[in-house]
Amino acid sequence: MTLDSDVYQAAMHVSRMTGKRLGKVLSELARRGLSHAAPSSKKGRRRFPVFEVTAEAPIIPASRVQEAIDEEGLS
């Protein structure tokens, strides 16, 4: 299995912060993502997707956000 480096770094950060093995962290994150993948039954339409972020999640610096915008050609 190959992970994108930003995903790997985030998972490693959570692993270090929680003391859990990397495989355990990845499994928990995958399960969380799969459980939220089902379509929402809420009515109404939001302009932006909404999701919860755990307290252990690393902060994404503005420079990385700008890199992603540039890579996607969104600017």
N, C-alpha and C. Protein backbone atom coordinates (compact mmCIF):
# COMPACT_ATOMS: atom_id res chain seq x y z
N MET A 1 0.85 -1.16 0.00
CA MET A 1 0.00 0.00 0.00
C MET A 1 0.90 1.23 0.00
N THR A 2 0.55 2.20 -0.80
CA THR A 2 1.29 3.46 -0.85
C THR A 2 0.37 4.59 -0.39
N LEU A 3 0.88 5.40 0.52
CA LEU A 3 0.11 6.55 1.01
C LEU A 3 0.72 7.84 0.49
N ASP A 4 -0.12 8.81 0.23
CA ASP A 4 0.39 10.14 -0.09
C ASP A 4 1.13 10.65 1.13
N SER A 5 2.15 11.45 0.90
CA SER A 5 3.01 11.86 2.01
C SER A 5 2.26 12.69 3.05
N ASP A 6 1.29 13.51 2.65
CA ASP A 6 0.56 14.32 3.63
C ASP A 6 -0.31 13.43 4.52
N VAL A 7 -0.87 12.37 3.96
CA VAL A 7 -1.68 11.42 4.73
C VAL A 7 -0.78 10.67 5.71
N TYR A 8 0.37 10.23 5.21
CA TYR A 8 1.32 9.51 6.06
C TYR A 8 1.78 10.39 7.23
N GLN A 9 2.13 11.63 6.92
CA GLN A 9 2.60 12.55 7.97
C GLN A 9 1.52 12.80 9.01
N ALA A 10 0.28 13.00 8.56
CA ALA A 10 -0.82 13.24 9.49
C ALA A 10 -1.06 12.01 10.37
N ALA A 11 -1.04 10.83 9.77
CA ALA A 11 -1.24 9.60 10.53
C ALA A 11 -0.10 9.37 11.52
N MET A 12 1.11 9.65 11.10
CA MET A 12 2.26 9.53 12.01
C MET A 12 2.13 10.48 13.18
N HIS A 13 1.66 11.69 12.91
CA HIS A 13 1.47 12.69 13.97
C HIS A 13 0.45 12.16 14.99
N VAL A 14 -0.67 11.65 14.50
CA VAL A 14 -1.69 11.10 15.40
C VAL A 14 -1.12 9.92 16.17
N SER A 15 -0.34 9.08 15.51
CA SER A 15 0.29 7.94 16.16
C SER A 15 1.19 8.38 17.30
N ARG A 16 2.01 9.37 17.05
CA ARG A 16 2.92 9.88 18.09
C ARG A 16 2.14 10.52 19.23
N MET A 17 1.10 11.28 18.90
CA MET A 17 0.34 12.00 19.93
C MET A 17 -0.48 11.05 20.81
N THR A 18 -0.96 9.96 20.23
CA THR A 18 -1.83 9.05 20.97
C THR A 18 -1.09 7.84 21.52
N GLY A 19 0.11 7.58 20.99
CA GLY A 19 0.86 6.39 21.40
C GLY A 19 0.35 5.11 20.75
N LYS A 20 -0.54 5.26 19.77
CA LYS A 20 -1.07 4.08 19.07
C LYS A 20 -0.18 3.73 17.90
N ARG A 21 -0.17 2.43 17.54
CA ARG A 21 0.60 2.00 16.36
C ARG A 21 0.02 2.64 15.11
N LEU A 22 0.88 2.86 14.14
CA LEU A 22 0.46 3.51 12.89
C LEU A 22 -0.67 2.73 12.21
N GLY A 23 -0.57 1.42 12.17
CA GLY A 23 -1.62 0.61 11.55
C GLY A 23 -2.96 0.79 12.23
N LYS A 24 -2.94 0.88 13.56
CA LYS A 24 -4.17 1.10 14.32
C LYS A 24 -4.77 2.46 13.98
N VAL A 25 -3.93 3.48 13.91
CA VAL A 25 -4.40 4.83 13.57
C VAL A 25 -5.01 4.84 12.18
N LEU A 26 -4.33 4.24 11.21
CA LEU A 26 -4.85 4.20 9.84
C LEU A 26 -6.18 3.45 9.76
N SER A 27 -6.28 2.35 10.50
CA SER A 27 -7.53 1.59 10.52
C SER A 27 -8.67 2.42 11.10
N GLU A 28 -8.40 3.12 12.18
CA GLU A 28 -9.44 3.96 12.80
C GLU A 28 -9.86 5.09 11.86
N LEU A 29 -8.89 5.71 11.20
CA LEU A 29 -9.21 6.79 10.27
C LEU A 29 -10.02 6.28 9.08
N ALA A 30 -9.65 5.10 8.58
CA ALA A 30 -10.38 4.52 7.45
C ALA A 30 -11.81 4.19 7.86
N ARG A 31 -11.98 3.59 9.04
CA ARG A 31 -13.34 3.27 9.52
C ARG A 31 -14.17 4.54 9.68
N ARG A 32 -13.56 5.56 10.23
CA ARG A 32 -14.28 6.83 10.42
C ARG A 32 -14.71 7.40 9.06
N GLY A 33 -13.82 7.35 8.10
CA GLY A 33 -14.15 7.85 6.77
C GLY A 33 -15.24 7.02 6.11
N LEU A 34 -15.19 5.71 6.28
CA LEU A 34 -16.20 4.85 5.69
C LEU A 34 -17.56 5.05 6.34
N SER A 35 -17.57 5.28 7.64
CA SER A 35 -18.86 5.46 8.32
C SER A 35 -19.51 6.78 7.93
N HIS A 36 -18.74 7.76 7.51
CA HIS A 36 -19.29 9.04 7.10
C HIS A 36 -19.51 9.11 5.59
N ALA A 37 -19.17 8.04 4.88
CA ALA A 37 -19.30 8.05 3.42
C ALA A 37 -20.74 7.89 2.96
N ALA A 38 -21.60 7.37 3.83
CA ALA A 38 -23.01 7.19 3.45
C ALA A 38 -23.65 8.55 3.25
N PRO A 39 -24.54 8.67 2.25
CA PRO A 39 -25.19 9.95 2.01
C PRO A 39 -25.98 10.40 3.23
N SER A 40 -25.93 11.67 3.47
CA SER A 40 -26.63 12.25 4.60
C SER A 40 -28.12 12.34 4.32
N SER A 41 -28.92 12.10 5.34
CA SER A 41 -30.36 12.20 5.17
C SER A 41 -30.86 13.61 5.47
N LYS A 42 -29.95 14.49 5.87
CA LYS A 42 -30.35 15.86 6.18
C LYS A 42 -30.82 16.57 4.92
N LYS A 43 -31.89 17.30 5.09
CA LYS A 43 -32.40 18.08 3.97
C LYS A 43 -31.65 19.40 3.93
N GLY A 44 -31.69 20.02 2.80
CA GLY A 44 -30.99 21.28 2.64
C GLY A 44 -29.68 21.07 1.92
N ARG A 45 -29.20 22.12 1.37
CA ARG A 45 -27.97 22.01 0.60
C ARG A 45 -26.98 23.03 1.13
N ARG A 46 -25.79 22.56 1.40
CA ARG A 46 -24.74 23.45 1.88
C ARG A 46 -23.78 23.72 0.74
N ARG A 47 -23.21 24.89 0.77
CA ARG A 47 -22.27 25.25 -0.27
C ARG A 47 -20.95 24.50 -0.13
N PHE A 48 -20.54 24.26 1.11
CA PHE A 48 -19.28 23.59 1.38
C PHE A 48 -19.53 22.33 2.20
N PRO A 49 -18.74 21.28 1.97
CA PRO A 49 -18.90 20.08 2.79
C PRO A 49 -18.49 20.37 4.23
N VAL A 50 -19.14 19.72 5.16
CA VAL A 50 -18.87 19.91 6.58
C VAL A 50 -18.42 18.57 7.15
N PHE A 51 -17.39 18.60 7.96
CA PHE A 51 -16.90 17.38 8.59
C PHE A 51 -16.28 17.72 9.92
N GLU A 52 -16.22 16.74 10.80
CA GLU A 52 -15.64 16.95 12.12
C GLU A 52 -14.15 16.63 12.08
N VAL A 53 -13.38 17.38 12.84
CA VAL A 53 -11.94 17.17 12.95
C VAL A 53 -11.62 16.93 14.41
N THR A 54 -10.88 15.86 14.68
CA THR A 54 -10.54 15.54 16.07
C THR A 54 -9.51 16.53 16.61
N ALA A 55 -9.45 16.60 17.91
CA ALA A 55 -8.49 17.49 18.56
C ALA A 55 -7.05 17.08 18.26
N GLU A 56 -6.83 15.79 17.94
CA GLU A 56 -5.48 15.30 17.67
C GLU A 56 -5.01 15.59 16.25
N ALA A 57 -5.91 16.04 15.39
CA ALA A 57 -5.54 16.28 13.99
C ALA A 57 -4.53 17.42 13.90
N PRO A 58 -3.52 17.24 13.05
CA PRO A 58 -2.52 18.31 12.93
C PRO A 58 -3.10 19.52 12.21
N ILE A 59 -2.56 20.66 12.53
CA ILE A 59 -2.98 21.89 11.88
C ILE A 59 -2.32 21.95 10.51
N ILE A 60 -3.10 22.30 9.51
CA ILE A 60 -2.57 22.43 8.15
C ILE A 60 -2.13 23.87 7.96
N PRO A 61 -0.84 24.10 7.73
CA PRO A 61 -0.38 25.48 7.58
C PRO A 61 -0.92 26.12 6.30
N ALA A 62 -1.07 27.44 6.34
CA ALA A 62 -1.59 28.18 5.19
C ALA A 62 -0.72 27.95 3.95
N SER A 63 0.58 27.76 4.14
CA SER A 63 1.46 27.52 2.99
C SER A 63 1.08 26.23 2.27
N ARG A 64 0.69 25.20 3.01
CA ARG A 64 0.27 23.93 2.38
C ARG A 64 -1.06 24.10 1.67
N VAL A 65 -1.95 24.89 2.25
CA VAL A 65 -3.23 25.17 1.60
C VAL A 65 -2.98 25.88 0.27
N GLN A 66 -2.08 26.86 0.28
CA GLN A 66 -1.76 27.59 -0.95
C GLN A 66 -1.15 26.66 -1.99
N GLU A 67 -0.27 25.74 -1.56
CA GLU A 67 0.31 24.76 -2.48
C GLU A 67 -0.78 23.93 -3.15
N ALA A 68 -1.74 23.48 -2.36
CA ALA A 68 -2.84 22.67 -2.90
C ALA A 68 -3.67 23.48 -3.89
N ILE A 69 -3.93 24.73 -3.57
CA ILE A 69 -4.68 25.60 -4.48
C ILE A 69 -3.92 25.77 -5.79
N ASP A 70 -2.62 26.01 -5.68
CA ASP A 70 -1.79 26.17 -6.87
C ASP A 70 -1.76 24.88 -7.71
N GLU A 71 -1.60 23.73 -7.02
CA GLU A 71 -1.55 22.45 -7.72
C GLU A 71 -2.84 22.16 -8.48
N GLU A 72 -3.96 22.55 -7.90
CA GLU A 72 -5.26 22.28 -8.51
C GLU A 72 -5.65 23.36 -9.51
N GLY A 73 -4.86 24.44 -9.59
CA GLY A 73 -5.17 25.51 -10.51
C GLY A 73 -6.43 26.28 -10.12
N LEU A 74 -6.66 26.43 -8.83
CA LEU A 74 -7.87 27.09 -8.34
C LEU A 74 -7.69 28.58 -8.13
N SER A 75 -6.48 29.07 -8.24
CA SER A 75 -6.29 30.50 -7.96
C SER A 75 -6.45 31.35 -9.21
